[in-house]
């Protein structure tokens, strides 16, 4: 099976499909064709997502299927989440820790706001 080409081989920029053709009836569509976020994942990330879905999100089963450790599964999951454009859970935890530190008086509201701005 051929690996999907998501990035420009010359500059590394994102490739966008502009033409689709039906092998059966030769119908062709041209234009700026929207693509799924999943197609932006690397081949390795796509394989991980497939294994994760087949395992129904059970990390122990993903460990066994891919022969990787629990921390590696979590790391790969965070990488996929980030590649899809979502904030990884780790970042969200840091935000709550900052807010908790403000609440406990360990840092000022100004310092907390500065830390939160750096995460954007």
PDB file of N, CA and C in Angstrom:
ATOM      1  N   UNK A   1       0.831  -1.177   0.000  1.00  0.00           N
ATOM      2  CA  UNK A   1       0.000   0.000   0.000  1.00  0.00           C
ATOM      3  C   UNK A   1       0.882   1.250   0.000  1.00  0.00           C
ATOM      4  N   UNK A   2       0.527   2.203  -0.853  1.00  0.00           N
ATOM      5  CA  UNK A   2       1.304   3.426  -0.934  1.00  0.00           C
ATOM      6  C   UNK A   2       0.968   4.360   0.215  1.00  0.00           C
ATOM      7  N   UNK A   3       1.995   5.030   0.691  1.00  0.00           N
ATOM      8  CA  UNK A   3       1.843   5.981   1.777  1.00  0.00           C
ATOM      9  C   UNK A   3       1.202   7.265   1.240  1.00  0.00           C
ATOM     10  N   UNK A   4       0.166   7.802   1.929  1.00  0.00           N
ATOM     11  CA  UNK A   4      -0.446   9.043   1.455  1.00  0.00           C
ATOM     12  C   UNK A   4       0.547  10.200   1.532  1.00  0.00           C
ATOM     13  N   UNK A   5       0.490  11.068   0.545  1.00  0.00           N
ATOM     14  CA  UNK A   5       1.393  12.206   0.473  1.00  0.00           C
ATOM     15  C   UNK A   5       0.668  13.420   1.042  1.00  0.00           C
ATOM     16  N   UNK A   6       1.016  13.811   2.265  1.00  0.00           N
ATOM     17  CA  UNK A   6       0.359  14.930   2.937  1.00  0.00           C
ATOM     18  C   UNK A   6       1.170  16.214   2.869  1.00  0.00           C
ATOM     19  N   UNK A   7       2.491  16.071   2.727  1.00  0.00           N
ATOM     20  CA  UNK A   7       3.378  17.228   2.748  1.00  0.00           C
ATOM     21  C   UNK A   7       4.124  17.353   1.431  1.00  0.00           C
ATOM     22  N   UNK A   8       4.415  18.593   1.065  1.00  0.00           N
ATOM     23  CA  UNK A   8       5.160  18.872  -0.160  1.00  0.00           C
ATOM     24  C   UNK A   8       6.564  18.283  -0.042  1.00  0.00           C
ATOM     25  N   UNK A   9       6.996  17.492  -1.030  1.00  0.00           N
ATOM     26  CA  UNK A   9       8.334  16.910  -0.960  1.00  0.00           C
ATOM     27  C   UNK A   9       9.440  17.957  -1.118  1.00  0.00           C
ATOM     28  N   UNK A  10       9.097  19.139  -1.633  1.00  0.00           N
ATOM     29  CA  UNK A  10      10.099  20.184  -1.835  1.00  0.00           C
ATOM     30  C   UNK A  10      10.288  21.047  -0.591  1.00  0.00           C
ATOM     31  N   UNK A  11       9.172  21.583  -0.057  1.00  0.00           N
ATOM     32  CA  UNK A  11       9.297  22.549   1.046  1.00  0.00           C
ATOM     33  C   UNK A  11       8.713  22.056   2.365  1.00  0.00           C
ATOM     34  N   UNK A  12       7.963  20.941   2.345  1.00  0.00           N
ATOM     35  CA  UNK A  12       7.356  20.413   3.566  1.00  0.00           C
ATOM     36  C   UNK A  12       6.010  21.029   3.907  1.00  0.00           C
ATOM     37  N   UNK A  13       5.514  21.938   3.056  1.00  0.00           N
ATOM     38  CA  UNK A  13       4.208  22.559   3.284  1.00  0.00           C
ATOM     39  C   UNK A  13       3.078  21.562   3.111  1.00  0.00           C
ATOM     40  N   UNK A  14       1.916  21.930   3.604  1.00  0.00           N
ATOM     41  CA  UNK A  14       0.745  21.050   3.522  1.00  0.00           C
ATOM     42  C   UNK A  14       0.202  21.027   2.102  1.00  0.00           C
ATOM     43  N   UNK A  15      -0.027  19.825   1.569  1.00  0.00           N
ATOM     44  CA  UNK A  15      -0.631  19.666   0.249  1.00  0.00           C
ATOM     45  C   UNK A  15      -2.148  19.665   0.384  1.00  0.00           C
ATOM     46  N   UNK A  16      -2.832  20.293  -0.580  1.00  0.00           N
ATOM     47  CA  UNK A  16      -4.293  20.313  -0.594  1.00  0.00           C
ATOM     48  C   UNK A  16      -4.782  19.669  -1.880  1.00  0.00           C
ATOM     49  N   UNK A  17      -5.772  18.781  -1.777  1.00  0.00           N
ATOM     50  CA  UNK A  17      -6.319  18.183  -2.998  1.00  0.00           C
ATOM     51  C   UNK A  17      -7.121  19.225  -3.778  1.00  0.00           C
ATOM     52  N   UNK A  18      -6.911  19.265  -5.095  1.00  0.00           N
ATOM     53  CA  UNK A  18      -7.677  20.189  -5.932  1.00  0.00           C
ATOM     54  C   UNK A  18      -8.471  19.455  -7.006  1.00  0.00           C
ATOM     55  N   UNK A  19      -8.227  18.140  -7.141  1.00  0.00           N
ATOM     56  CA  UNK A  19      -8.965  17.377  -8.146  1.00  0.00           C
ATOM     57  C   UNK A  19      -9.225  15.964  -7.633  1.00  0.00           C
ATOM     58  N   UNK A  20     -10.467  15.510  -7.805  1.00  0.00           N
ATOM     59  CA  UNK A  20     -10.846  14.136  -7.490  1.00  0.00           C
ATOM     60  C   UNK A  20     -11.473  13.535  -8.733  1.00  0.00           C
ATOM     61  N   UNK A  21     -11.173  12.256  -8.997  1.00  0.00           N
ATOM     62  CA  UNK A  21     -11.699  11.610 -10.198  1.00  0.00           C
ATOM     63  C   UNK A  21     -12.226  10.231  -9.840  1.00  0.00           C
ATOM     64  N   UNK A  22     -13.416   9.901 -10.375  1.00  0.00           N
ATOM     65  CA  UNK A  22     -14.024   8.592 -10.167  1.00  0.00           C
ATOM     66  C   UNK A  22     -13.456   7.619 -11.199  1.00  0.00           C
ATOM     67  N   UNK A  23     -12.913   6.497 -10.744  1.00  0.00           N
ATOM     68  CA  UNK A  23     -12.378   5.485 -11.663  1.00  0.00           C
ATOM     69  C   UNK A  23     -13.484   4.782 -12.438  1.00  0.00           C
ATOM     70  N   UNK A  24     -14.673   4.751 -11.882  1.00  0.00           N
ATOM     71  CA  UNK A  24     -15.776   4.036 -12.501  1.00  0.00           C
ATOM     72  C   UNK A  24     -16.402   4.790 -13.671  1.00  0.00           C
ATOM     73  N   UNK A  25     -16.727   6.072 -13.481  1.00  0.00           N
ATOM     74  CA  UNK A  25     -17.439   6.810 -14.538  1.00  0.00           C
ATOM     75  C   UNK A  25     -16.653   7.996 -15.098  1.00  0.00           C
ATOM     76  N   UNK A  26     -15.448   8.214 -14.630  1.00  0.00           N
ATOM     77  CA  UNK A  26     -14.581   9.315 -15.061  1.00  0.00           C
ATOM     78  C   UNK A  26     -15.069  10.705 -14.663  1.00  0.00           C
ATOM     79  N   UNK A  27     -16.028  10.808 -13.757  1.00  0.00           N
ATOM     80  CA  UNK A  27     -16.444  12.108 -13.253  1.00  0.00           C
ATOM     81  C   UNK A  27     -15.255  12.734 -12.536  1.00  0.00           C
ATOM     82  N   UNK A  28     -15.000  14.017 -12.794  1.00  0.00           N
ATOM     83  CA  UNK A  28     -13.899  14.721 -12.137  1.00  0.00           C
ATOM     84  C   UNK A  28     -14.433  15.965 -11.439  1.00  0.00           C
ATOM     85  N   UNK A  29     -13.969  16.190 -10.232  1.00  0.00           N
ATOM     86  CA  UNK A  29     -14.309  17.382  -9.465  1.00  0.00           C
ATOM     87  C   UNK A  29     -13.029  18.171  -9.239  1.00  0.00           C
ATOM     88  N   UNK A  30     -13.088  19.474  -9.485  1.00  0.00           N
ATOM     89  CA  UNK A  30     -11.916  20.320  -9.274  1.00  0.00           C
ATOM     90  C   UNK A  30     -12.279  21.480  -8.371  1.00  0.00           C
ATOM     91  N   UNK A  31     -11.323  21.946  -7.625  1.00  0.00           N
ATOM     92  CA  UNK A  31     -11.518  23.091  -6.742  1.00  0.00           C
ATOM     93  C   UNK A  31     -10.805  22.874  -5.426  1.00  0.00           C
ATOM     94  N   UNK A  32     -11.072  23.743  -4.485  1.00  0.00           N
ATOM     95  CA  UNK A  32     -10.477  23.626  -3.160  1.00  0.00           C
ATOM     96  C   UNK A  32     -11.295  22.611  -2.366  1.00  0.00           C
ATOM     97  N   UNK A  33     -10.820  21.387  -2.302  1.00  0.00           N
ATOM     98  CA  UNK A  33     -11.565  20.278  -1.714  1.00  0.00           C
ATOM     99  C   UNK A  33     -11.169  20.128  -0.242  1.00  0.00           C
ATOM    100  N   UNK A  34     -12.146  20.244   0.666  1.00  0.00           N
ATOM    101  CA  UNK A  34     -11.816  20.103   2.088  1.00  0.00           C
ATOM    102  C   UNK A  34     -11.366  18.680   2.406  1.00  0.00           C
ATOM    103  N   UNK A  35     -10.446  18.590   3.349  1.00  0.00           N
ATOM    104  CA  UNK A  35      -9.936  17.277   3.745  1.00  0.00           C
ATOM    105  C   UNK A  35     -10.175  17.068   5.241  1.00  0.00           C
ATOM    106  N   UNK A  36     -10.181  15.825   5.633  1.00  0.00           N
ATOM    107  CA  UNK A  36     -10.358  15.458   7.032  1.00  0.00           C
ATOM    108  C   UNK A  36      -9.091  15.788   7.815  1.00  0.00           C
ATOM    109  N   UNK A  37      -9.268  16.189   9.067  1.00  0.00           N
ATOM    110  CA  UNK A  37      -8.112  16.427   9.933  1.00  0.00           C
ATOM    111  C   UNK A  37      -7.273  15.158  10.069  1.00  0.00           C
ATOM    112  N   UNK A  38      -7.932  14.004  10.026  1.00  0.00           N
ATOM    113  CA  UNK A  38      -7.206  12.741  10.189  1.00  0.00           C
ATOM    114  C   UNK A  38      -6.200  12.517   9.070  1.00  0.00           C
ATOM    115  N   UNK A  39      -6.476  13.063   7.883  1.00  0.00           N
ATOM    116  CA  UNK A  39      -5.540  12.877   6.775  1.00  0.00           C
ATOM    117  C   UNK A  39      -4.266  13.688   6.975  1.00  0.00           C
ATOM    118  N   UNK A  40      -4.273  14.618   7.919  1.00  0.00           N
ATOM    119  CA  UNK A  40      -3.082  15.412   8.207  1.00  0.00           C
ATOM    120  C   UNK A  40      -2.110  14.682   9.128  1.00  0.00           C
ATOM    121  N   UNK A  41      -2.560  13.575   9.707  1.00  0.00           N
ATOM    122  CA  UNK A  41      -1.691  12.798  10.591  1.00  0.00           C
ATOM    123  C   UNK A  41      -0.661  12.034   9.782  1.00  0.00           C
ATOM    124  N   UNK A  42       0.499  11.806  10.379  1.00  0.00           N
ATOM    125  CA  UNK A  42       1.520  10.985   9.730  1.00  0.00           C
ATOM    126  C   UNK A  42       1.004   9.550   9.631  1.00  0.00           C
ATOM    127  N   UNK A  43       1.644   8.743   8.807  1.00  0.00           N
ATOM    128  CA  UNK A  43       1.244   7.335   8.668  1.00  0.00           C
ATOM    129  C   UNK A  43       1.306   6.613  10.010  1.00  0.00           C
ATOM    130  N   UNK A  44       2.348   6.896  10.782  1.00  0.00           N
ATOM    131  CA  UNK A  44       2.499   6.263  12.096  1.00  0.00           C
ATOM    132  C   UNK A  44       1.362   6.678  13.027  1.00  0.00           C
ATOM    133  N   UNK A  45       0.996   7.959  12.993  1.00  0.00           N
ATOM    134  CA  UNK A  45      -0.102   8.435  13.830  1.00  0.00           C
ATOM    135  C   UNK A  45      -1.432   7.827  13.390  1.00  0.00           C
ATOM    136  N   UNK A  46      -1.623   7.655  12.089  1.00  0.00           N
ATOM    137  CA  UNK A  46      -2.849   7.035  11.586  1.00  0.00           C
ATOM    138  C   UNK A  46      -2.940   5.583  12.043  1.00  0.00           C
ATOM    139  N   UNK A  47      -1.814   4.864  12.023  1.00  0.00           N
ATOM    140  CA  UNK A  47      -1.804   3.475  12.501  1.00  0.00           C
ATOM    141  C   UNK A  47      -2.148   3.422  13.993  1.00  0.00           C
ATOM    142  N   UNK A  48      -1.605   4.382  14.751  1.00  0.00           N
ATOM    143  CA  UNK A  48      -1.901   4.441  16.182  1.00  0.00           C
ATOM    144  C   UNK A  48      -3.395   4.682  16.415  1.00  0.00           C
ATOM    145  N   UNK A  49      -3.973   5.644  15.693  1.00  0.00           N
ATOM    146  CA  UNK A  49      -5.403   5.947  15.841  1.00  0.00           C
ATOM    147  C   UNK A  49      -6.241   4.720  15.506  1.00  0.00           C
ATOM    148  N   UNK A  50      -5.859   4.009  14.450  1.00  0.00           N
ATOM    149  CA  UNK A  50      -6.590   2.798  14.068  1.00  0.00           C
ATOM    150  C   UNK A  50      -6.540   1.756  15.193  1.00  0.00           C
ATOM    151  N   UNK A  51      -5.344   1.540  15.752  1.00  0.00           N
ATOM    152  CA  UNK A  51      -5.203   0.575  16.850  1.00  0.00           C
ATOM    153  C   UNK A  51      -5.997   1.032  18.073  1.00  0.00           C
ATOM    154  N   UNK A  52      -5.976   2.328  18.351  1.00  0.00           N
ATOM    155  CA  UNK A  52      -6.706   2.886  19.488  1.00  0.00           C
ATOM    156  C   UNK A  52      -8.210   2.672  19.327  1.00  0.00           C
ATOM    157  N   UNK A  53      -8.710   2.882  18.115  1.00  0.00           N
ATOM    158  CA  UNK A  53     -10.142   2.697  17.860  1.00  0.00           C
ATOM    159  C   UNK A  53     -10.546   1.231  17.927  1.00  0.00           C
ATOM    160  N   UNK A  54      -9.727   0.355  17.350  1.00  0.00           N
ATOM    161  CA  UNK A  54     -10.025  -1.081  17.392  1.00  0.00           C
ATOM    162  C   UNK A  54     -10.052  -1.563  18.844  1.00  0.00           C
ATOM    163  N   UNK A  55      -9.161  -0.989  19.669  1.00  0.00           N
ATOM    164  CA  UNK A  55      -9.110  -1.347  21.091  1.00  0.00           C
ATOM    165  C   UNK A  55     -10.184  -0.616  21.900  1.00  0.00           C
ATOM    166  N   UNK A  56     -11.014   0.172  21.211  1.00  0.00           N
ATOM    167  CA  UNK A  56     -12.088   0.945  21.852  1.00  0.00           C
ATOM    168  C   UNK A  56     -11.566   1.832  22.970  1.00  0.00           C
ATOM    169  N   UNK A  57     -10.360   2.365  22.760  1.00  0.00           N
ATOM    170  CA  UNK A  57      -9.779   3.290  23.725  1.00  0.00           C
ATOM    171  C   UNK A  57      -9.146   2.631  24.934  1.00  0.00           C
ATOM    172  N   UNK A  58      -9.106   1.308  24.962  1.00  0.00           N
ATOM    173  CA  UNK A  58      -8.511   0.591  26.088  1.00  0.00           C
ATOM    174  C   UNK A  58      -6.988   0.630  25.932  1.00  0.00           C
ATOM    175  N   UNK A  59      -6.333   1.403  26.783  1.00  0.00           N
ATOM    176  CA  UNK A  59      -4.889   1.615  26.648  1.00  0.00           C
ATOM    177  C   UNK A  59      -4.112   0.314  26.826  1.00  0.00           C
ATOM    178  N   UNK A  60      -4.552  -0.549  27.725  1.00  0.00           N
ATOM    179  CA  UNK A  60      -3.872  -1.848  27.911  1.00  0.00           C
ATOM    180  C   UNK A  60      -3.871  -2.649  26.608  1.00  0.00           C
ATOM    181  N   UNK A  61      -5.002  -2.650  25.895  1.00  0.00           N
ATOM    182  CA  UNK A  61      -5.071  -3.381  24.625  1.00  0.00           C
ATOM    183  C   UNK A  61      -4.204  -2.728  23.549  1.00  0.00           C
ATOM    184  N   UNK A  62      -4.111  -1.396  23.573  1.00  0.00           N
ATOM    185  CA  UNK A  62      -3.242  -0.698  22.619  1.00  0.00           C
ATOM    186  C   UNK A  62      -1.790  -1.063  22.906  1.00  0.00           C
ATOM    187  N   UNK A  63      -1.428  -1.120  24.189  1.00  0.00           N
ATOM    188  CA  UNK A  63      -0.075  -1.538  24.585  1.00  0.00           C
ATOM    189  C   UNK A  63       0.273  -2.887  23.960  1.00  0.00           C
ATOM    190  N   UNK A  64      -0.646  -3.849  24.131  1.00  0.00           N
ATOM    191  CA  UNK A  64      -0.405  -5.203  23.624  1.00  0.00           C
ATOM    192  C   UNK A  64      -0.339  -5.225  22.099  1.00  0.00           C
ATOM    193  N   UNK A  65      -1.288  -4.534  21.456  1.00  0.00           N
ATOM    194  CA  UNK A  65      -1.363  -4.536  19.989  1.00  0.00           C
ATOM    195  C   UNK A  65      -0.113  -3.938  19.351  1.00  0.00           C
ATOM    196  N   UNK A  66       0.370  -2.828  19.903  1.00  0.00           N
ATOM    197  CA  UNK A  66       1.520  -2.136  19.312  1.00  0.00           C
ATOM    198  C   UNK A  66       2.838  -2.493  19.990  1.00  0.00           C
ATOM    199  N   UNK A  67       2.753  -3.301  21.055  1.00  0.00           N
ATOM    200  CA  UNK A  67       3.942  -3.722  21.799  1.00  0.00           C
ATOM    201  C   UNK A  67       4.735  -2.513  22.303  1.00  0.00           C
ATOM    202  N   UNK A  68       4.012  -1.587  22.941  1.00  0.00           N
ATOM    203  CA  UNK A  68       4.635  -0.395  23.509  1.00  0.00           C
ATOM    204  C   UNK A  68       4.145  -0.224  24.941  1.00  0.00           C
ATOM    205  N   UNK A  69       4.866   0.578  25.719  1.00  0.00           N
ATOM    206  CA  UNK A  69       4.531   0.776  27.131  1.00  0.00           C
ATOM    207  C   UNK A  69       3.379   1.764  27.305  1.00  0.00           C
ATOM    208  N   UNK A  70       2.812   1.742  28.501  1.00  0.00           N
ATOM    209  CA  UNK A  70       1.714   2.660  28.841  1.00  0.00           C
ATOM    210  C   UNK A  70       2.117   4.125  28.623  1.00  0.00           C
ATOM    211  N   UNK A  71       3.296   4.561  29.133  1.00  0.00           N
ATOM    212  CA  UNK A  71       3.684   5.959  28.909  1.00  0.00           C
ATOM    213  C   UNK A  71       3.829   6.303  27.418  1.00  0.00           C
ATOM    214  N   UNK A  72       4.261   5.337  26.621  1.00  0.00           N
ATOM    215  CA  UNK A  72       4.399   5.579  25.182  1.00  0.00           C
ATOM    216  C   UNK A  72       3.030   5.734  24.536  1.00  0.00           C
ATOM    217  N   UNK A  73       2.061   4.924  24.964  1.00  0.00           N
ATOM    218  CA  UNK A  73       0.694   5.061  24.442  1.00  0.00           C
ATOM    219  C   UNK A  73       0.168   6.451  24.774  1.00  0.00           C
ATOM    220  N   UNK A  74       0.332   6.892  26.022  1.00  0.00           N
ATOM    221  CA  UNK A  74      -0.138   8.218  26.436  1.00  0.00           C
ATOM    222  C   UNK A  74       0.551   9.318  25.634  1.00  0.00           C
ATOM    223  N   UNK A  75       1.860   9.160  25.422  1.00  0.00           N
ATOM    224  CA  UNK A  75       2.620  10.165  24.665  1.00  0.00           C
ATOM    225  C   UNK A  75       2.112  10.240  23.228  1.00  0.00           C
ATOM    226  N   UNK A  76       1.919   9.087  22.601  1.00  0.00           N
ATOM    227  CA  UNK A  76       1.427   9.059  21.221  1.00  0.00           C
ATOM    228  C   UNK A  76       0.014   9.643  21.130  1.00  0.00           C
ATOM    229  N   UNK A  77      -0.811   9.360  22.124  1.00  0.00           N
ATOM    230  CA  UNK A  77      -2.165   9.907  22.150  1.00  0.00           C
ATOM    231  C   UNK A  77      -2.128  11.436  22.250  1.00  0.00           C
ATOM    232  N   UNK A  78      -1.266  11.955  23.122  1.00  0.00           N
ATOM    233  CA  UNK A  78      -1.113  13.410  23.240  1.00  0.00           C
ATOM    234  C   UNK A  78      -0.615  14.026  21.936  1.00  0.00           C
ATOM    235  N   UNK A  79       0.310  13.338  21.247  1.00  0.00           N
ATOM    236  CA  UNK A  79       0.831  13.837  19.969  1.00  0.00           C
ATOM    237  C   UNK A  79      -0.272  13.905  18.917  1.00  0.00           C
ATOM    238  N   UNK A  80      -1.121  12.883  18.874  1.00  0.00           N
ATOM    239  CA  UNK A  80      -2.230  12.866  17.911  1.00  0.00           C
ATOM    240  C   UNK A  80      -3.215  13.990  18.231  1.00  0.00           C
ATOM    241  N   UNK A  81      -3.542  14.141  19.502  1.00  0.00           N
ATOM    242  CA  UNK A  81      -4.470  15.202  19.916  1.00  0.00           C
ATOM    243  C   UNK A  81      -3.927  16.561  19.495  1.00  0.00           C
ATOM    244  N   UNK A  82      -2.645  16.776  19.720  1.00  0.00           N
ATOM    245  CA  UNK A  82      -2.020  18.051  19.349  1.00  0.00           C
ATOM    246  C   UNK A  82      -1.973  18.222  17.831  1.00  0.00           C
ATOM    247  N   UNK A  83      -1.659  17.147  17.099  1.00  0.00           N
ATOM    248  CA  UNK A  83      -1.602  17.215  15.631  1.00  0.00           C
ATOM    249  C   UNK A  83      -2.966  17.540  15.029  1.00  0.00           C
ATOM    250  N   UNK A  84      -4.032  17.154  15.718  1.00  0.00           N
ATOM    251  CA  UNK A  84      -5.388  17.453  15.248  1.00  0.00           C
ATOM    252  C   UNK A  84      -5.827  18.871  15.616  1.00  0.00           C
ATOM    253  N   UNK A  85      -4.962  19.582  16.337  1.00  0.00           N
ATOM    254  CA  UNK A  85      -5.246  20.977  16.658  1.00  0.00           C
ATOM    255  C   UNK A  85      -5.936  21.208  17.985  1.00  0.00           C
ATOM    256  N   UNK A  86      -5.946  20.201  18.830  1.00  0.00           N
ATOM    257  CA  UNK A  86      -6.573  20.337  20.142  1.00  0.00           C
ATOM    258  C   UNK A  86      -5.495  20.459  21.206  1.00  0.00           C
ATOM    259  N   UNK A  87      -5.847  21.103  22.321  1.00  0.00           N
ATOM    260  CA  UNK A  87      -4.900  21.242  23.421  1.00  0.00           C
ATOM    261  C   UNK A  87      -4.757  19.895  24.117  1.00  0.00           C
ATOM    262  N   UNK A  88      -3.526  19.426  24.298  1.00  0.00           N
ATOM    263  CA  UNK A  88      -3.355  18.165  25.018  1.00  0.00           C
ATOM    264  C   UNK A  88      -3.797  18.323  26.471  1.00  0.00           C
ATOM    265  N   UNK A  89      -4.217  17.245  27.075  1.00  0.00           N
ATOM    266  CA  UNK A  89      -4.719  17.248  28.450  1.00  0.00           C
ATOM    267  C   UNK A  89      -3.681  17.802  29.419  1.00  0.00           C
ATOM    268  N   UNK A  90      -2.401  17.568  29.133  1.00  0.00           N
ATOM    269  CA  UNK A  90      -1.335  18.041  30.015  1.00  0.00           C
ATOM    270  C   UNK A  90      -1.414  19.556  30.151  1.00  0.00           C
ATOM    271  N   UNK A  91      -1.627  20.253  29.041  1.00  0.00           N
ATOM    272  CA  UNK A  91      -1.710  21.710  29.059  1.00  0.00           C
ATOM    273  C   UNK A  91      -2.911  22.160  29.891  1.00  0.00           C
ATOM    274  N   UNK A  92      -4.030  21.480  29.761  1.00  0.00           N
ATOM    275  CA  UNK A  92      -5.210  21.836  30.536  1.00  0.00           C
ATOM    276  C   UNK A  92      -4.955  21.652  32.029  1.00  0.00           C
ATOM    277  N   UNK A  93      -4.205  20.629  32.384  1.00  0.00           N
ATOM    278  CA  UNK A  93      -3.877  20.402  33.783  1.00  0.00           C
ATOM    279  C   UNK A  93      -3.010  21.541  34.296  1.00  0.00           C
ATOM    280  N   UNK A  94      -2.091  22.016  33.490  1.00  0.00           N
ATOM    281  CA  UNK A  94      -1.228  23.110  33.908  1.00  0.00           C
ATOM    282  C   UNK A  94      -2.056  24.358  34.192  1.00  0.00           C
ATOM    283  N   UNK A  95      -3.061  24.605  33.373  1.00  0.00           N
ATOM    284  CA  UNK A  95      -3.917  25.771  33.592  1.00  0.00           C
ATOM    285  C   UNK A  95      -4.623  25.664  34.942  1.00  0.00           C
ATOM    286  N   UNK A  96      -5.142  24.479  35.235  1.00  0.00           N
ATOM    287  CA  UNK A  96      -5.843  24.319  36.517  1.00  0.00           C
ATOM    288  C   UNK A  96      -4.862  24.446  37.680  1.00  0.00           C
ATOM    289  N   UNK A  97      -3.629  23.979  37.487  1.00  0.00           N
ATOM    290  CA  UNK A  97      -2.622  24.115  38.540  1.00  0.00           C
ATOM    291  C   UNK A  97      -2.302  25.580  38.789  1.00  0.00           C
ATOM    292  N   UNK A  98      -2.242  26.364  37.712  1.00  0.00           N
ATOM    293  CA  UNK A  98      -1.989  27.803  37.848  1.00  0.00           C
ATOM    294  C   UNK A  98      -3.121  28.453  38.637  1.00  0.00           C
ATOM    295  N   UNK A  99      -4.353  28.110  38.273  1.00  0.00           N
ATOM    296  CA  UNK A  99      -5.504  28.681  38.979  1.00  0.00           C
ATOM    297  C   UNK A  99      -5.524  28.261  40.448  1.00  0.00           C
ATOM    298  N   UNK A 100      -5.163  27.014  40.717  1.00  0.00           N
ATOM    299  CA  UNK A 100      -5.098  26.540  42.105  1.00  0.00           C
ATOM    300  C   UNK A 100      -4.022  27.291  42.887  1.00  0.00           C
ATOM    301  N   UNK A 101      -2.879  27.547  42.234  1.00  0.00           N
ATOM    302  CA  UNK A 101      -1.790  28.274  42.895  1.00  0.00           C
ATOM    303  C   UNK A 101      -2.214  29.703  43.224  1.00  0.00           C
ATOM    304  N   UNK A 102      -2.990  30.322  42.340  1.00  0.00           N
ATOM    305  CA  UNK A 102      -3.513  31.667  42.613  1.00  0.00           C
ATOM    306  C   UNK A 102      -4.454  31.606  43.817  1.00  0.00           C
ATOM    307  N   UNK A 103      -5.328  30.613  43.793  1.00  0.00           N
ATOM    308  CA  UNK A 103      -6.311  30.455  44.876  1.00  0.00           C
ATOM    309  C   UNK A 103      -5.637  30.246  46.230  1.00  0.00           C
ATOM    310  N   UNK A 104      -4.534  29.498  46.238  1.00  0.00           N
ATOM    311  CA  UNK A 104      -3.812  29.229  47.487  1.00  0.00           C
ATOM    312  C   UNK A 104      -2.904  30.392  47.893  1.00  0.00           C
ATOM    313  N   UNK A 105      -2.776  31.401  47.022  1.00  0.00           N
ATOM    314  CA  UNK A 105      -1.936  32.558  47.330  1.00  0.00           C
ATOM    315  C   UNK A 105      -0.461  32.323  47.055  1.00  0.00           C
ATOM    316  N   UNK A 106      -0.124  31.244  46.344  1.00  0.00           N
ATOM    317  CA  UNK A 106       1.274  30.942  46.044  1.00  0.00           C
ATOM    318  C   UNK A 106       1.830  31.870  44.971  1.00  0.00           C
ATOM    319  N   UNK A 107       0.959  32.314  44.057  1.00  0.00           N
ATOM    320  CA  UNK A 107       1.352  33.296  43.046  1.00  0.00           C
ATOM    321  C   UNK A 107       0.246  34.347  42.961  1.00  0.00           C
ATOM    322  N   UNK A 108       0.624  35.534  42.473  1.00  0.00           N
ATOM    323  CA  UNK A 108      -0.377  36.603  42.354  1.00  0.00           C
ATOM    324  C   UNK A 108      -1.244  36.369  41.119  1.00  0.00           C
ATOM    325  N   UNK A 109      -2.377  37.053  41.074  1.00  0.00           N
ATOM    326  CA  UNK A 109      -3.258  36.950  39.905  1.00  0.00           C
ATOM    327  C   UNK A 109      -2.533  37.435  38.656  1.00  0.00           C
ATOM    328  N   UNK A 110      -1.710  38.477  38.822  1.00  0.00           N
ATOM    329  CA  UNK A 110      -0.948  39.019  37.686  1.00  0.00           C
ATOM    330  C   UNK A 110       0.030  37.965  37.153  1.00  0.00           C
ATOM    331  N   UNK A 111       0.743  37.296  38.054  1.00  0.00           N
ATOM    332  CA  UNK A 111       1.681  36.240  37.642  1.00  0.00           C
ATOM    333  C   UNK A 111       0.935  35.088  36.966  1.00  0.00           C
ATOM    334  N   UNK A 112      -0.213  34.738  37.517  1.00  0.00           N
ATOM    335  CA  UNK A 112      -1.022  33.666  36.935  1.00  0.00           C
ATOM    336  C   UNK A 112      -1.494  34.015  35.540  1.00  0.00           C
ATOM    337  N   UNK A 113      -1.948  35.257  35.366  1.00  0.00           N
ATOM    338  CA  UNK A 113      -2.406  35.706  34.046  1.00  0.00           C
ATOM    339  C   UNK A 113      -1.263  35.659  33.039  1.00  0.00           C
ATOM    340  N   UNK A 114      -0.075  36.039  33.492  1.00  0.00           N
ATOM    341  CA  UNK A 114       1.102  36.008  32.611  1.00  0.00           C
ATOM    342  C   UNK A 114       1.424  34.572  32.182  1.00  0.00           C
ATOM    343  N   UNK A 115       1.374  33.651  33.132  1.00  0.00           N
ATOM    344  CA  UNK A 115       1.637  32.243  32.818  1.00  0.00           C
ATOM    345  C   UNK A 115       0.593  31.692  31.846  1.00  0.00           C
ATOM    346  N   UNK A 116      -0.664  32.058  32.057  1.00  0.00           N
ATOM    347  CA  UNK A 116      -1.733  31.590  31.166  1.00  0.00           C
ATOM    348  C   UNK A 116      -1.574  32.166  29.762  1.00  0.00           C
ATOM    349  N   UNK A 117      -1.159  33.428  29.650  1.00  0.00           N
ATOM    350  CA  UNK A 117      -0.945  34.046  28.330  1.00  0.00           C
ATOM    351  C   UNK A 117       0.160  33.336  27.556  1.00  0.00           C
ATOM    352  N   UNK A 118       1.182  32.893  28.257  1.00  0.00           N
ATOM    353  CA  UNK A 118       2.303  32.201  27.602  1.00  0.00           C
ATOM    354  C   UNK A 118       1.860  30.889  26.971  1.00  0.00           C
ATOM    355  N   UNK A 119       0.787  30.302  27.489  1.00  0.00           N
ATOM    356  CA  UNK A 119       0.312  29.018  26.968  1.00  0.00           C
ATOM    357  C   UNK A 119      -0.517  29.175  25.707  1.00  0.00           C
ATOM    358  N   UNK A 120      -0.957  30.377  25.378  1.00  0.00           N
ATOM    359  CA  UNK A 120      -1.801  30.589  24.191  1.00  0.00           C
ATOM    360  C   UNK A 120      -0.999  30.583  22.927  1.00  0.00           C
TER     361      UNK A 120
END
